[in-house]
């Protein structure tokens, strides 16, 4: 588990990878299952899955001869936490806007 938001951003930067995550949010899938959902090569899907795994967005387990991909939230949490840092700035600005509106109401 990397917990590095940079890897998470990399994983989320591609629309195909984001679509794969949507599919995996519904159920675990083998590589073949994922390939069947897209009009790209098996090799391309394997690369996307590797990047998702490196970003802690998915985990992979072996089941017989298949690799089963499972949605994980570790990488998404790292990205969410990175964005959460900036919430304080929005809170300050929205608080100032609220105060300005209330002051204008009081003055009229």
PDB file of N, CA and C in Angstrom:
ATOM      1  N   UNK A   1       0.842  -1.171   0.000  1.00  0.00           N
ATOM      2  CA  UNK A   1       0.000   0.000   0.000  1.00  0.00           C
ATOM      3  C   UNK A   1       0.891   1.239   0.000  1.00  0.00           C
ATOM      4  N   UNK A   2       0.790   2.045  -1.055  1.00  0.00           N
ATOM      5  CA  UNK A   2       1.687   3.185  -1.177  1.00  0.00           C
ATOM      6  C   UNK A   2       1.213   4.395  -0.381  1.00  0.00           C
ATOM      7  N   UNK A   3      -0.106   4.640  -0.311  1.00  0.00           N
ATOM      8  CA  UNK A   3      -0.676   5.808   0.355  1.00  0.00           C
ATOM      9  C   UNK A   3      -0.127   7.107  -0.208  1.00  0.00           C
ATOM     10  N   UNK A   4       0.442   7.050  -1.405  1.00  0.00           N
ATOM     11  CA  UNK A   4       0.985   8.228  -2.072  1.00  0.00           C
ATOM     12  C   UNK A   4      -0.088   8.792  -2.989  1.00  0.00           C
ATOM     13  N   UNK A   5      -0.572  10.011  -2.700  1.00  0.00           N
ATOM     14  CA  UNK A   5      -1.621  10.558  -3.555  1.00  0.00           C
ATOM     15  C   UNK A   5      -1.169  10.732  -5.003  1.00  0.00           C
ATOM     16  N   UNK A   6       0.126  10.897  -5.217  1.00  0.00           N
ATOM     17  CA  UNK A   6       0.623  11.040  -6.583  1.00  0.00           C
ATOM     18  C   UNK A   6       0.309   9.792  -7.413  1.00  0.00           C
ATOM     19  N   UNK A   7       0.480   8.607  -6.831  1.00  0.00           N
ATOM     20  CA  UNK A   7       0.130   7.367  -7.529  1.00  0.00           C
ATOM     21  C   UNK A   7      -1.373   7.279  -7.742  1.00  0.00           C
ATOM     22  N   UNK A   8      -2.132   7.760  -6.775  1.00  0.00           N
ATOM     23  CA  UNK A   8      -3.591   7.779  -6.917  1.00  0.00           C
ATOM     24  C   UNK A   8      -4.034   8.694  -8.037  1.00  0.00           C
ATOM     25  N   UNK A   9      -3.423   9.884  -8.110  1.00  0.00           N
ATOM     26  CA  UNK A   9      -3.759  10.806  -9.195  1.00  0.00           C
ATOM     27  C   UNK A   9      -3.392  10.207 -10.551  1.00  0.00           C
ATOM     28  N   UNK A  10      -2.265   9.545 -10.609  1.00  0.00           N
ATOM     29  CA  UNK A  10      -1.858   8.889 -11.856  1.00  0.00           C
ATOM     30  C   UNK A  10      -2.897   7.835 -12.253  1.00  0.00           C
ATOM     31  N   UNK A  11      -3.329   7.048 -11.274  1.00  0.00           N
ATOM     32  CA  UNK A  11      -4.308   5.997 -11.543  1.00  0.00           C
ATOM     33  C   UNK A  11      -5.628   6.585 -12.029  1.00  0.00           C
ATOM     34  N   UNK A  12      -6.040   7.697 -11.465  1.00  0.00           N
ATOM     35  CA  UNK A  12      -7.320   8.307 -11.815  1.00  0.00           C
ATOM     36  C   UNK A  12      -7.256   9.202 -13.051  1.00  0.00           C
ATOM     37  N   UNK A  13      -6.076   9.454 -13.565  1.00  0.00           N
ATOM     38  CA  UNK A  13      -5.922  10.420 -14.658  1.00  0.00           C
ATOM     39  C   UNK A  13      -6.448   9.936 -15.998  1.00  0.00           C
ATOM     40  N   UNK A  14      -6.672   8.645 -16.143  1.00  0.00           N
ATOM     41  CA  UNK A  14      -7.089   8.097 -17.434  1.00  0.00           C
ATOM     42  C   UNK A  14      -8.565   7.694 -17.392  1.00  0.00           C
ATOM     43  N   UNK A  15      -9.354   8.080 -18.405  1.00  0.00           N
ATOM     44  CA  UNK A  15     -10.780   7.735 -18.390  1.00  0.00           C
ATOM     45  C   UNK A  15     -11.050   6.229 -18.429  1.00  0.00           C
ATOM     46  N   UNK A  16     -10.195   5.468 -19.085  1.00  0.00           N
ATOM     47  CA  UNK A  16     -10.384   4.014 -19.105  1.00  0.00           C
ATOM     48  C   UNK A  16     -10.205   3.442 -17.710  1.00  0.00           C
ATOM     49  N   UNK A  17      -9.194   3.923 -16.986  1.00  0.00           N
ATOM     50  CA  UNK A  17      -8.979   3.433 -15.623  1.00  0.00           C
ATOM     51  C   UNK A  17     -10.139   3.820 -14.711  1.00  0.00           C
ATOM     52  N   UNK A  18     -10.658   5.022 -14.889  1.00  0.00           N
ATOM     53  CA  UNK A  18     -11.816   5.423 -14.083  1.00  0.00           C
ATOM     54  C   UNK A  18     -13.017   4.530 -14.394  1.00  0.00           C
ATOM     55  N   UNK A  19     -13.197   4.181 -15.663  1.00  0.00           N
ATOM     56  CA  UNK A  19     -14.297   3.291 -16.051  1.00  0.00           C
ATOM     57  C   UNK A  19     -14.094   1.890 -15.464  1.00  0.00           C
ATOM     58  N   UNK A  20     -12.854   1.424 -15.449  1.00  0.00           N
ATOM     59  CA  UNK A  20     -12.562   0.120 -14.842  1.00  0.00           C
ATOM     60  C   UNK A  20     -12.958   0.144 -13.369  1.00  0.00           C
ATOM     61  N   UNK A  21     -12.651   1.229 -12.668  1.00  0.00           N
ATOM     62  CA  UNK A  21     -13.014   1.334 -11.252  1.00  0.00           C
ATOM     63  C   UNK A  21     -14.529   1.279 -11.067  1.00  0.00           C
ATOM     64  N   UNK A  22     -15.273   1.894 -11.971  1.00  0.00           N
ATOM     65  CA  UNK A  22     -16.735   1.843 -11.896  1.00  0.00           C
ATOM     66  C   UNK A  22     -17.202   0.390 -12.012  1.00  0.00           C
ATOM     67  N   UNK A  23     -16.654  -0.333 -12.983  1.00  0.00           N
ATOM     68  CA  UNK A  23     -17.021  -1.746 -13.145  1.00  0.00           C
ATOM     69  C   UNK A  23     -16.666  -2.551 -11.891  1.00  0.00           C
ATOM     70  N   UNK A  24     -15.482  -2.303 -11.345  1.00  0.00           N
ATOM     71  CA  UNK A  24     -15.049  -3.049 -10.158  1.00  0.00           C
ATOM     72  C   UNK A  24     -15.841  -2.660  -8.915  1.00  0.00           C
ATOM     73  N   UNK A  25     -16.464  -1.493  -8.932  1.00  0.00           N
ATOM     74  CA  UNK A  25     -17.291  -1.107  -7.784  1.00  0.00           C
ATOM     75  C   UNK A  25     -18.545  -1.970  -7.710  1.00  0.00           C
ATOM     76  N   UNK A  26     -18.895  -2.587  -8.819  1.00  0.00           N
ATOM     77  CA  UNK A  26     -20.092  -3.444  -8.870  1.00  0.00           C
ATOM     78  C   UNK A  26     -19.772  -4.878  -8.477  1.00  0.00           C
ATOM     79  N   UNK A  27     -18.606  -5.374  -8.913  1.00  0.00           N
ATOM     80  CA  UNK A  27     -18.199  -6.739  -8.578  1.00  0.00           C
ATOM     81  C   UNK A  27     -16.759  -6.969  -8.998  1.00  0.00           C
ATOM     82  N   UNK A  28     -16.123  -7.945  -8.362  1.00  0.00           N
ATOM     83  CA  UNK A  28     -14.757  -8.328  -8.722  1.00  0.00           C
ATOM     84  C   UNK A  28     -14.758  -8.880 -10.139  1.00  0.00           C
ATOM     85  N   UNK A  29     -13.647  -8.698 -10.840  1.00  0.00           N
ATOM     86  CA  UNK A  29     -13.577  -9.126 -12.233  1.00  0.00           C
ATOM     87  C   UNK A  29     -12.202  -9.700 -12.551  1.00  0.00           C
ATOM     88  N   UNK A  30     -12.184 -10.713 -13.400  1.00  0.00           N
ATOM     89  CA  UNK A  30     -10.920 -11.226 -13.926  1.00  0.00           C
ATOM     90  C   UNK A  30     -10.441 -10.277 -15.018  1.00  0.00           C
ATOM     91  N   UNK A  31      -9.214 -10.445 -15.446  1.00  0.00           N
ATOM     92  CA  UNK A  31      -8.701  -9.624 -16.543  1.00  0.00           C
ATOM     93  C   UNK A  31      -9.579  -9.806 -17.784  1.00  0.00           C
ATOM     94  N   UNK A  32      -9.963 -11.053 -18.065  1.00  0.00           N
ATOM     95  CA  UNK A  32     -10.822 -11.320 -19.216  1.00  0.00           C
ATOM     96  C   UNK A  32     -12.159 -10.608 -19.120  1.00  0.00           C
ATOM     97  N   UNK A  33     -12.726 -10.565 -17.913  1.00  0.00           N
ATOM     98  CA  UNK A  33     -13.993  -9.845 -17.709  1.00  0.00           C
ATOM     99  C   UNK A  33     -13.820  -8.359 -18.014  1.00  0.00           C
ATOM    100  N   UNK A  34     -12.710  -7.789 -17.553  1.00  0.00           N
ATOM    101  CA  UNK A  34     -12.456  -6.369 -17.790  1.00  0.00           C
ATOM    102  C   UNK A  34     -12.245  -6.119 -19.282  1.00  0.00           C
ATOM    103  N   UNK A  35     -11.454  -6.959 -19.933  1.00  0.00           N
ATOM    104  CA  UNK A  35     -11.187  -6.812 -21.367  1.00  0.00           C
ATOM    105  C   UNK A  35     -12.497  -6.813 -22.154  1.00  0.00           C
ATOM    106  N   UNK A  36     -13.438  -7.673 -21.752  1.00  0.00           N
ATOM    107  CA  UNK A  36     -14.712  -7.784 -22.465  1.00  0.00           C
ATOM    108  C   UNK A  36     -15.529  -6.492 -22.423  1.00  0.00           C
ATOM    109  N   UNK A  37     -15.256  -5.617 -21.462  1.00  0.00           N
ATOM    110  CA  UNK A  37     -16.001  -4.366 -21.314  1.00  0.00           C
ATOM    111  C   UNK A  37     -15.456  -3.224 -22.170  1.00  0.00           C
ATOM    112  N   UNK A  38     -14.278  -3.417 -22.773  1.00  0.00           N
ATOM    113  CA  UNK A  38     -13.615  -2.322 -23.474  1.00  0.00           C
ATOM    114  C   UNK A  38     -13.161  -2.752 -24.861  1.00  0.00           C
ATOM    115  N   UNK A  39     -13.016  -1.774 -25.718  1.00  0.00           N
ATOM    116  CA  UNK A  39     -12.545  -2.030 -27.075  1.00  0.00           C
ATOM    117  C   UNK A  39     -11.051  -1.708 -27.163  1.00  0.00           C
ATOM    118  N   UNK A  40     -10.281  -2.345 -26.296  1.00  0.00           N
ATOM    119  CA  UNK A  40      -8.828  -2.187 -26.295  1.00  0.00           C
ATOM    120  C   UNK A  40      -8.202  -3.564 -26.104  1.00  0.00           C
ATOM    121  N   UNK A  41      -6.906  -3.649 -26.319  1.00  0.00           N
ATOM    122  CA  UNK A  41      -6.232  -4.943 -26.238  1.00  0.00           C
ATOM    123  C   UNK A  41      -6.104  -5.413 -24.792  1.00  0.00           C
ATOM    124  N   UNK A  42      -5.901  -6.706 -24.654  1.00  0.00           N
ATOM    125  CA  UNK A  42      -5.661  -7.304 -23.337  1.00  0.00           C
ATOM    126  C   UNK A  42      -4.419  -6.683 -22.704  1.00  0.00           C
ATOM    127  N   UNK A  43      -3.397  -6.460 -23.507  1.00  0.00           N
ATOM    128  CA  UNK A  43      -2.165  -5.849 -22.999  1.00  0.00           C
ATOM    129  C   UNK A  43      -2.411  -4.459 -22.434  1.00  0.00           C
ATOM    130  N   UNK A  44      -3.255  -3.681 -23.114  1.00  0.00           N
ATOM    131  CA  UNK A  44      -3.565  -2.331 -22.628  1.00  0.00           C
ATOM    132  C   UNK A  44      -4.320  -2.407 -21.298  1.00  0.00           C
ATOM    133  N   UNK A  45      -5.271  -3.331 -21.201  1.00  0.00           N
ATOM    134  CA  UNK A  45      -6.029  -3.492 -19.956  1.00  0.00           C
ATOM    135  C   UNK A  45      -5.094  -3.922 -18.824  1.00  0.00           C
ATOM    136  N   UNK A  46      -4.171  -4.824 -19.112  1.00  0.00           N
ATOM    137  CA  UNK A  46      -3.225  -5.268 -18.083  1.00  0.00           C
ATOM    138  C   UNK A  46      -2.394  -4.090 -17.570  1.00  0.00           C
ATOM    139  N   UNK A  47      -1.986  -3.188 -18.479  1.00  0.00           N
ATOM    140  CA  UNK A  47      -1.233  -1.997 -18.049  1.00  0.00           C
ATOM    141  C   UNK A  47      -2.097  -1.106 -17.166  1.00  0.00           C
ATOM    142  N   UNK A  48      -3.349  -0.896 -17.578  1.00  0.00           N
ATOM    143  CA  UNK A  48      -4.253  -0.075 -16.766  1.00  0.00           C
ATOM    144  C   UNK A  48      -4.439  -0.684 -15.377  1.00  0.00           C
ATOM    145  N   UNK A  49      -4.621  -2.003 -15.332  1.00  0.00           N
ATOM    146  CA  UNK A  49      -4.808  -2.667 -14.045  1.00  0.00           C
ATOM    147  C   UNK A  49      -3.560  -2.558 -13.172  1.00  0.00           C
ATOM    148  N   UNK A  50      -2.392  -2.638 -13.776  1.00  0.00           N
ATOM    149  CA  UNK A  50      -1.150  -2.489 -13.014  1.00  0.00           C
ATOM    150  C   UNK A  50      -1.051  -1.093 -12.406  1.00  0.00           C
ATOM    151  N   UNK A  51      -1.389  -0.083 -13.177  1.00  0.00           N
ATOM    152  CA  UNK A  51      -1.340   1.290 -12.663  1.00  0.00           C
ATOM    153  C   UNK A  51      -2.362   1.480 -11.546  1.00  0.00           C
ATOM    154  N   UNK A  52      -3.543   0.887 -11.709  1.00  0.00           N
ATOM    155  CA  UNK A  52      -4.548   0.958 -10.643  1.00  0.00           C
ATOM    156  C   UNK A  52      -4.057   0.254  -9.382  1.00  0.00           C
ATOM    157  N   UNK A  53      -3.373  -0.863  -9.559  1.00  0.00           N
ATOM    158  CA  UNK A  53      -2.821  -1.593  -8.410  1.00  0.00           C
ATOM    159  C   UNK A  53      -1.717  -0.773  -7.736  1.00  0.00           C
ATOM    160  N   UNK A  54      -0.857  -0.150  -8.513  1.00  0.00           N
ATOM    161  CA  UNK A  54       0.214   0.679  -7.955  1.00  0.00           C
ATOM    162  C   UNK A  54      -0.344   1.877  -7.200  1.00  0.00           C
ATOM    163  N   UNK A  55      -1.504   2.363  -7.619  1.00  0.00           N
ATOM    164  CA  UNK A  55      -2.150   3.485  -6.940  1.00  0.00           C
ATOM    165  C   UNK A  55      -3.030   3.059  -5.780  1.00  0.00           C
ATOM    166  N   UNK A  56      -2.979   1.783  -5.418  1.00  0.00           N
ATOM    167  CA  UNK A  56      -3.782   1.222  -4.322  1.00  0.00           C
ATOM    168  C   UNK A  56      -5.281   1.361  -4.570  1.00  0.00           C
ATOM    169  N   UNK A  57      -5.672   1.433  -5.835  1.00  0.00           N
ATOM    170  CA  UNK A  57      -7.086   1.512  -6.174  1.00  0.00           C
ATOM    171  C   UNK A  57      -7.707   0.122  -6.274  1.00  0.00           C
ATOM    172  N   UNK A  58      -6.867  -0.882  -6.583  1.00  0.00           N
ATOM    173  CA  UNK A  58      -7.344  -2.258  -6.674  1.00  0.00           C
ATOM    174  C   UNK A  58      -6.338  -3.187  -6.011  1.00  0.00           C
ATOM    175  N   UNK A  59      -6.819  -4.362  -5.666  1.00  0.00           N
ATOM    176  CA  UNK A  59      -5.931  -5.450  -5.244  1.00  0.00           C
ATOM    177  C   UNK A  59      -6.207  -6.615  -6.179  1.00  0.00           C
ATOM    178  N   UNK A  60      -5.256  -7.514  -6.253  1.00  0.00           N
ATOM    179  CA  UNK A  60      -5.374  -8.657  -7.156  1.00  0.00           C
ATOM    180  C   UNK A  60      -5.095  -9.922  -6.371  1.00  0.00           C
ATOM    181  N   UNK A  61      -5.949 -10.903  -6.556  1.00  0.00           N
ATOM    182  CA  UNK A  61      -5.722 -12.209  -5.935  1.00  0.00           C
ATOM    183  C   UNK A  61      -5.783 -13.265  -7.032  1.00  0.00           C
ATOM    184  N   UNK A  62      -5.051 -14.322  -6.819  1.00  0.00           N
ATOM    185  CA  UNK A  62      -5.045 -15.424  -7.775  1.00  0.00           C
ATOM    186  C   UNK A  62      -6.114 -16.429  -7.360  1.00  0.00           C
ATOM    187  N   UNK A  63      -6.919 -16.799  -8.325  1.00  0.00           N
ATOM    188  CA  UNK A  63      -7.961 -17.801  -8.108  1.00  0.00           C
ATOM    189  C   UNK A  63      -7.823 -18.824  -9.236  1.00  0.00           C
ATOM    190  N   UNK A  64      -7.187 -19.936  -8.939  1.00  0.00           N
ATOM    191  CA  UNK A  64      -6.881 -20.904  -9.992  1.00  0.00           C
ATOM    192  C   UNK A  64      -5.875 -20.293 -10.949  1.00  0.00           C
ATOM    193  N   UNK A  65      -6.236 -20.240 -12.217  1.00  0.00           N
ATOM    194  CA  UNK A  65      -5.347 -19.648 -13.226  1.00  0.00           C
ATOM    195  C   UNK A  65      -5.683 -18.186 -13.517  1.00  0.00           C
ATOM    196  N   UNK A  66      -6.677 -17.654 -12.826  1.00  0.00           N
ATOM    197  CA  UNK A  66      -7.116 -16.282 -13.089  1.00  0.00           C
ATOM    198  C   UNK A  66      -6.628 -15.327 -12.006  1.00  0.00           C
ATOM    199  N   UNK A  67      -6.454 -14.092 -12.432  1.00  0.00           N
ATOM    200  CA  UNK A  67      -6.165 -13.007 -11.501  1.00  0.00           C
ATOM    201  C   UNK A  67      -7.451 -12.203 -11.352  1.00  0.00           C
ATOM    202  N   UNK A  68      -7.948 -12.139 -10.124  1.00  0.00           N
ATOM    203  CA  UNK A  68      -9.209 -11.461  -9.847  1.00  0.00           C
ATOM    204  C   UNK A  68      -8.896 -10.079  -9.276  1.00  0.00           C
ATOM    205  N   UNK A  69      -9.490  -9.078  -9.880  1.00  0.00           N
ATOM    206  CA  UNK A  69      -9.278  -7.682  -9.492  1.00  0.00           C
ATOM    207  C   UNK A  69     -10.409  -7.230  -8.586  1.00  0.00           C
ATOM    208  N   UNK A  70     -10.032  -6.570  -7.502  1.00  0.00           N
ATOM    209  CA  UNK A  70     -10.968  -6.149  -6.466  1.00  0.00           C
ATOM    210  C   UNK A  70     -10.746  -4.672  -6.160  1.00  0.00           C
ATOM    211  N   UNK A  71     -11.821  -3.912  -6.079  1.00  0.00           N
ATOM    212  CA  UNK A  71     -11.739  -2.489  -5.755  1.00  0.00           C
ATOM    213  C   UNK A  71     -11.229  -2.302  -4.335  1.00  0.00           C
ATOM    214  N   UNK A  72     -10.272  -1.412  -4.174  1.00  0.00           N
ATOM    215  CA  UNK A  72      -9.748  -1.032  -2.856  1.00  0.00           C
ATOM    216  C   UNK A  72      -9.909   0.474  -2.701  1.00  0.00           C
ATOM    217  N   UNK A  73      -9.961   0.933  -1.489  1.00  0.00           N
ATOM    218  CA  UNK A  73     -10.166   2.358  -1.269  1.00  0.00           C
ATOM    219  C   UNK A  73      -8.946   3.082  -0.706  1.00  0.00           C
ATOM    220  N   UNK A  74      -7.844   2.350  -0.507  1.00  0.00           N
ATOM    221  CA  UNK A  74      -6.646   2.968   0.076  1.00  0.00           C
ATOM    222  C   UNK A  74      -6.168   4.162  -0.753  1.00  0.00           C
ATOM    223  N   UNK A  75      -6.030   3.953  -2.048  1.00  0.00           N
ATOM    224  CA  UNK A  75      -5.544   5.025  -2.914  1.00  0.00           C
ATOM    225  C   UNK A  75      -6.518   6.177  -3.006  1.00  0.00           C
ATOM    226  N   UNK A  76      -7.805   5.863  -3.034  1.00  0.00           N
ATOM    227  CA  UNK A  76      -8.805   6.934  -3.085  1.00  0.00           C
ATOM    228  C   UNK A  76      -8.784   7.747  -1.806  1.00  0.00           C
ATOM    229  N   UNK A  77      -8.533   7.090  -0.684  1.00  0.00           N
ATOM    230  CA  UNK A  77      -8.451   7.816   0.587  1.00  0.00           C
ATOM    231  C   UNK A  77      -7.273   8.781   0.564  1.00  0.00           C
ATOM    232  N   UNK A  78      -6.142   8.352   0.019  1.00  0.00           N
ATOM    233  CA  UNK A  78      -4.974   9.241  -0.050  1.00  0.00           C
ATOM    234  C   UNK A  78      -5.280  10.467  -0.909  1.00  0.00           C
ATOM    235  N   UNK A  79      -5.983  10.260  -2.028  1.00  0.00           N
ATOM    236  CA  UNK A  79      -6.357  11.386  -2.897  1.00  0.00           C
ATOM    237  C   UNK A  79      -7.361  12.277  -2.178  1.00  0.00           C
ATOM    238  N   UNK A  80      -8.360  11.657  -1.541  1.00  0.00           N
ATOM    239  CA  UNK A  80      -9.371  12.428  -0.812  1.00  0.00           C
ATOM    240  C   UNK A  80      -8.727  13.246   0.307  1.00  0.00           C
ATOM    241  N   UNK A  81      -7.801  12.639   1.034  1.00  0.00           N
ATOM    242  CA  UNK A  81      -7.125  13.352   2.114  1.00  0.00           C
ATOM    243  C   UNK A  81      -6.322  14.534   1.579  1.00  0.00           C
ATOM    244  N   UNK A  82      -5.727  14.361   0.399  1.00  0.00           N
ATOM    245  CA  UNK A  82      -4.962  15.458  -0.208  1.00  0.00           C
ATOM    246  C   UNK A  82      -5.898  16.616  -0.511  1.00  0.00           C
ATOM    247  N   UNK A  83      -7.061  16.320  -1.099  1.00  0.00           N
ATOM    248  CA  UNK A  83      -8.038  17.371  -1.387  1.00  0.00           C
ATOM    249  C   UNK A  83      -8.602  17.973  -0.113  1.00  0.00           C
ATOM    250  N   UNK A  84      -8.789  17.163   0.908  1.00  0.00           N
ATOM    251  CA  UNK A  84      -9.372  17.637   2.163  1.00  0.00           C
ATOM    252  C   UNK A  84      -8.527  18.747   2.788  1.00  0.00           C
ATOM    253  N   UNK A  85      -7.219  18.707   2.572  1.00  0.00           N
ATOM    254  CA  UNK A  85      -6.355  19.763   3.094  1.00  0.00           C
ATOM    255  C   UNK A  85      -6.842  21.129   2.602  1.00  0.00           C
ATOM    256  N   UNK A  86      -7.307  21.192   1.367  1.00  0.00           N
ATOM    257  CA  UNK A  86      -7.704  22.466   0.766  1.00  0.00           C
ATOM    258  C   UNK A  86      -9.111  22.900   1.167  1.00  0.00           C
ATOM    259  N   UNK A  87      -9.849  22.019   1.838  1.00  0.00           N
ATOM    260  CA  UNK A  87     -11.176  22.390   2.320  1.00  0.00           C
ATOM    261  C   UNK A  87     -11.115  23.596   3.254  1.00  0.00           C
ATOM    262  N   UNK A  88     -10.048  23.707   4.028  1.00  0.00           N
ATOM    263  CA  UNK A  88      -9.937  24.824   4.965  1.00  0.00           C
ATOM    264  C   UNK A  88      -9.995  26.169   4.244  1.00  0.00           C
ATOM    265  N   UNK A  89      -9.433  26.231   3.045  1.00  0.00           N
ATOM    266  CA  UNK A  89      -9.442  27.484   2.294  1.00  0.00           C
ATOM    267  C   UNK A  89     -10.845  27.810   1.797  1.00  0.00           C
ATOM    268  N   UNK A  90     -11.578  26.783   1.375  1.00  0.00           N
ATOM    269  CA  UNK A  90     -12.966  27.003   0.961  1.00  0.00           C
ATOM    270  C   UNK A  90     -13.795  27.424   2.160  1.00  0.00           C
ATOM    271  N   UNK A  91     -13.589  26.776   3.289  1.00  0.00           N
ATOM    272  CA  UNK A  91     -14.348  27.115   4.490  1.00  0.00           C
ATOM    273  C   UNK A  91     -14.121  28.568   4.875  1.00  0.00           C
ATOM    274  N   UNK A  92     -12.875  29.027   4.799  1.00  0.00           N
ATOM    275  CA  UNK A  92     -12.560  30.423   5.129  1.00  0.00           C
ATOM    276  C   UNK A  92     -13.261  31.374   4.164  1.00  0.00           C
ATOM    277  N   UNK A  93     -13.186  31.083   2.882  1.00  0.00           N
ATOM    278  CA  UNK A  93     -13.790  31.966   1.873  1.00  0.00           C
ATOM    279  C   UNK A  93     -15.314  31.977   1.973  1.00  0.00           C
ATOM    280  N   UNK A  94     -15.885  30.803   2.163  1.00  0.00           N
ATOM    281  CA  UNK A  94     -17.342  30.748   2.283  1.00  0.00           C
ATOM    282  C   UNK A  94     -17.806  31.422   3.571  1.00  0.00           C
ATOM    283  N   UNK A  95     -17.020  31.287   4.629  1.00  0.00           N
ATOM    284  CA  UNK A  95     -17.346  31.980   5.877  1.00  0.00           C
ATOM    285  C   UNK A  95     -17.304  33.486   5.684  1.00  0.00           C
ATOM    286  N   UNK A  96     -16.309  33.966   4.961  1.00  0.00           N
ATOM    287  CA  UNK A  96     -16.200  35.409   4.700  1.00  0.00           C
ATOM    288  C   UNK A  96     -17.359  35.884   3.827  1.00  0.00           C
ATOM    289  N   UNK A  97     -17.740  35.094   2.849  1.00  0.00           N
ATOM    290  CA  UNK A  97     -18.870  35.454   1.987  1.00  0.00           C
ATOM    291  C   UNK A  97     -20.154  35.513   2.804  1.00  0.00           C
ATOM    292  N   UNK A  98     -20.374  34.544   3.666  1.00  0.00           N
ATOM    293  CA  UNK A  98     -21.565  34.523   4.520  1.00  0.00           C
ATOM    294  C   UNK A  98     -21.603  35.765   5.397  1.00  0.00           C
ATOM    295  N   UNK A  99     -20.453  36.106   5.976  1.00  0.00           N
ATOM    296  CA  UNK A  99     -20.384  37.292   6.845  1.00  0.00           C
ATOM    297  C   UNK A  99     -20.686  38.563   6.051  1.00  0.00           C
ATOM    298  N   UNK A 100     -20.160  38.658   4.830  1.00  0.00           N
ATOM    299  CA  UNK A 100     -20.407  39.833   3.989  1.00  0.00           C
ATOM    300  C   UNK A 100     -21.887  39.955   3.645  1.00  0.00           C
ATOM    301  N   UNK A 101     -22.533  38.838   3.345  1.00  0.00           N
ATOM    302  CA  UNK A 101     -23.967  38.858   3.020  1.00  0.00           C
ATOM    303  C   UNK A 101     -24.776  39.272   4.236  1.00  0.00           C
ATOM    304  N   UNK A 102     -24.435  38.711   5.397  1.00  0.00           N
ATOM    305  CA  UNK A 102     -25.154  39.071   6.621  1.00  0.00           C
ATOM    306  C   UNK A 102     -24.957  40.538   6.964  1.00  0.00           C
ATOM    307  N   UNK A 103     -23.741  41.062   6.774  1.00  0.00           N
ATOM    308  CA  UNK A 103     -23.483  42.481   7.042  1.00  0.00           C
ATOM    309  C   UNK A 103     -24.285  43.364   6.101  1.00  0.00           C
ATOM    310  N   UNK A 104     -24.383  42.956   4.843  1.00  0.00           N
ATOM    311  CA  UNK A 104     -25.148  43.759   3.870  1.00  0.00           C
ATOM    312  C   UNK A 104     -26.626  43.766   4.235  1.00  0.00           C
ATOM    313  N   UNK A 105     -27.162  42.613   4.682  1.00  0.00           N
ATOM    314  CA  UNK A 105     -28.570  42.538   5.107  1.00  0.00           C
ATOM    315  C   UNK A 105     -28.813  43.468   6.303  1.00  0.00           C
ATOM    316  N   UNK A 106     -27.858  43.458   7.261  1.00  0.00           N
ATOM    317  CA  UNK A 106     -28.007  44.279   8.464  1.00  0.00           C
ATOM    318  C   UNK A 106     -27.958  45.767   8.142  1.00  0.00           C
ATOM    319  N   UNK A 107     -27.246  46.139   7.103  1.00  0.00           N
ATOM    320  CA  UNK A 107     -27.092  47.550   6.749  1.00  0.00           C
ATOM    321  C   UNK A 107     -28.260  48.066   5.897  1.00  0.00           C
ATOM    322  N   UNK A 108     -29.144  47.195   5.486  1.00  0.00           N
ATOM    323  CA  UNK A 108     -30.276  47.634   4.650  1.00  0.00           C
ATOM    324  C   UNK A 108     -31.573  47.498   5.344  1.00  0.00           C
TER     325      UNK A 108
END
